[in-house]
Protein backbone atom coordinates (compact mmCIF):
# COMPACT_ATOMS: atom_id res chain seq x y z
CA MET A 1 0.00 0.00 0.00
CA CYS A 2 1.02 3.54 -0.66
CA GLY A 3 -1.11 5.65 1.62
CA ASN A 4 -4.58 4.20 1.14
CA GLN A 5 -3.97 3.04 -2.46
CA PRO A 6 -2.47 -0.23 -3.74
CA ALA A 7 1.19 0.10 -4.70
CA ALA A 8 0.87 -0.53 -8.45
CA ASN A 9 3.80 -0.74 -10.90
CA VAL A 10 6.40 -1.25 -8.17
CA HIS A 11 9.55 -3.07 -9.34
CA VAL A 12 10.14 -6.29 -7.38
CA LYS A 13 13.28 -8.42 -7.74
CA LEU A 14 14.15 -11.82 -6.29
CA LEU A 15 17.92 -12.34 -6.18
CA ASP A 16 20.46 -14.76 -4.81
CA GLU A 17 22.93 -12.55 -2.98
CA ASP A 18 26.51 -13.62 -3.68
CA GLN A 19 29.38 -12.19 -1.64
CA GLY A 20 32.21 -11.15 -3.95
CA ASP A 21 30.27 -12.03 -7.13
CA PRO A 22 27.41 -10.31 -8.94
CA ASP A 23 24.04 -11.27 -7.45
CA ASP A 24 22.02 -13.80 -9.48
CA MET A 25 18.63 -12.52 -10.70
CA LEU A 26 16.09 -15.26 -9.98
CA ASP A 27 12.95 -13.36 -11.01
CA ASN A 28 11.62 -9.82 -11.35
CA MET A 29 8.34 -8.13 -12.19
CA PHE A 30 6.18 -5.07 -11.58
CA THR A 31 3.26 -5.22 -9.18
CA LYS A 32 -0.25 -5.40 -10.62
CA SER A 33 -2.79 -2.59 -10.32
CA ASP A 34 -3.95 -4.09 -7.00
CA GLY A 35 -0.36 -4.17 -5.66
CA MET A 36 -0.08 -7.96 -5.87
CA PHE A 37 2.99 -9.76 -7.20
CA PHE A 38 4.39 -13.27 -7.45
CA VAL A 39 8.07 -14.08 -7.86
CA SER A 40 9.73 -17.46 -7.79
CA GLY A 41 13.11 -18.84 -8.66
CA PHE A 42 15.83 -21.33 -7.99
CA ALA A 43 19.60 -21.45 -8.15
CA SER A 44 22.01 -24.34 -8.38
CA GLU A 45 25.04 -23.57 -6.26
CA LEU A 46 27.68 -25.44 -4.28
CA THR A 47 26.72 -23.51 -1.14
CA PRO A 48 23.27 -22.60 0.21
CA ILE A 49 21.63 -19.70 -1.58
CA ASP A 50 20.87 -16.38 0.12
CA PRO A 51 17.56 -15.29 -1.42
CA GLU A 52 16.75 -11.61 -1.16
CA LEU A 53 13.56 -9.77 -2.11
CA ARG A 54 14.10 -6.19 -3.23
CA ILE A 55 11.16 -3.83 -3.65
CA TYR A 56 11.89 -0.53 -5.40
CA HIS A 57 9.16 2.00 -4.68
CA ASP A 58 8.31 5.67 -4.92
CA CYS A 59 5.81 6.03 -2.11
CA ASN A 60 6.32 9.27 -0.17
CA ASP A 61 10.03 9.10 -1.04
CA HIS A 62 12.36 7.24 -3.34
CA GLY A 63 13.60 4.10 -1.72
CA LYS A 64 14.36 0.44 -1.72
CA VAL A 65 12.91 -2.15 0.61
CA GLN A 66 15.14 -5.17 1.02
CA LEU A 67 14.15 -8.37 2.82
CA GLY A 68 16.31 -11.38 3.53
CA LEU A 69 14.41 -14.64 3.00
CA CYS A 70 14.85 -18.19 4.18
CA SER A 71 15.52 -20.39 1.15
CA SER A 72 13.30 -23.25 2.30
CA LEU A 73 10.05 -21.37 2.93
CA THR A 74 7.28 -19.94 0.81
CA TYR A 75 6.18 -16.43 1.72
CA ASP A 76 2.69 -15.07 1.19
CA PHE A 77 2.76 -11.31 1.84
CA LYS A 78 -0.78 -9.90 2.02
């Protein structure tokens, strides 16, 4: 939400954060008119992945929301 309106057309990226290497893009999209989005992805690595959800928004100020995620869970943000 942005104020009392759905946050439409917000850029959302799902990445595998890699220390010392460029992060791997697993998925990305823009939110729908109702603010909903769905991202999914996988990575094949020798070590556990470090999934990260980045939300780039322009609600009241320019900014980036970044969330660290557990690689073995499904998240349903409502």
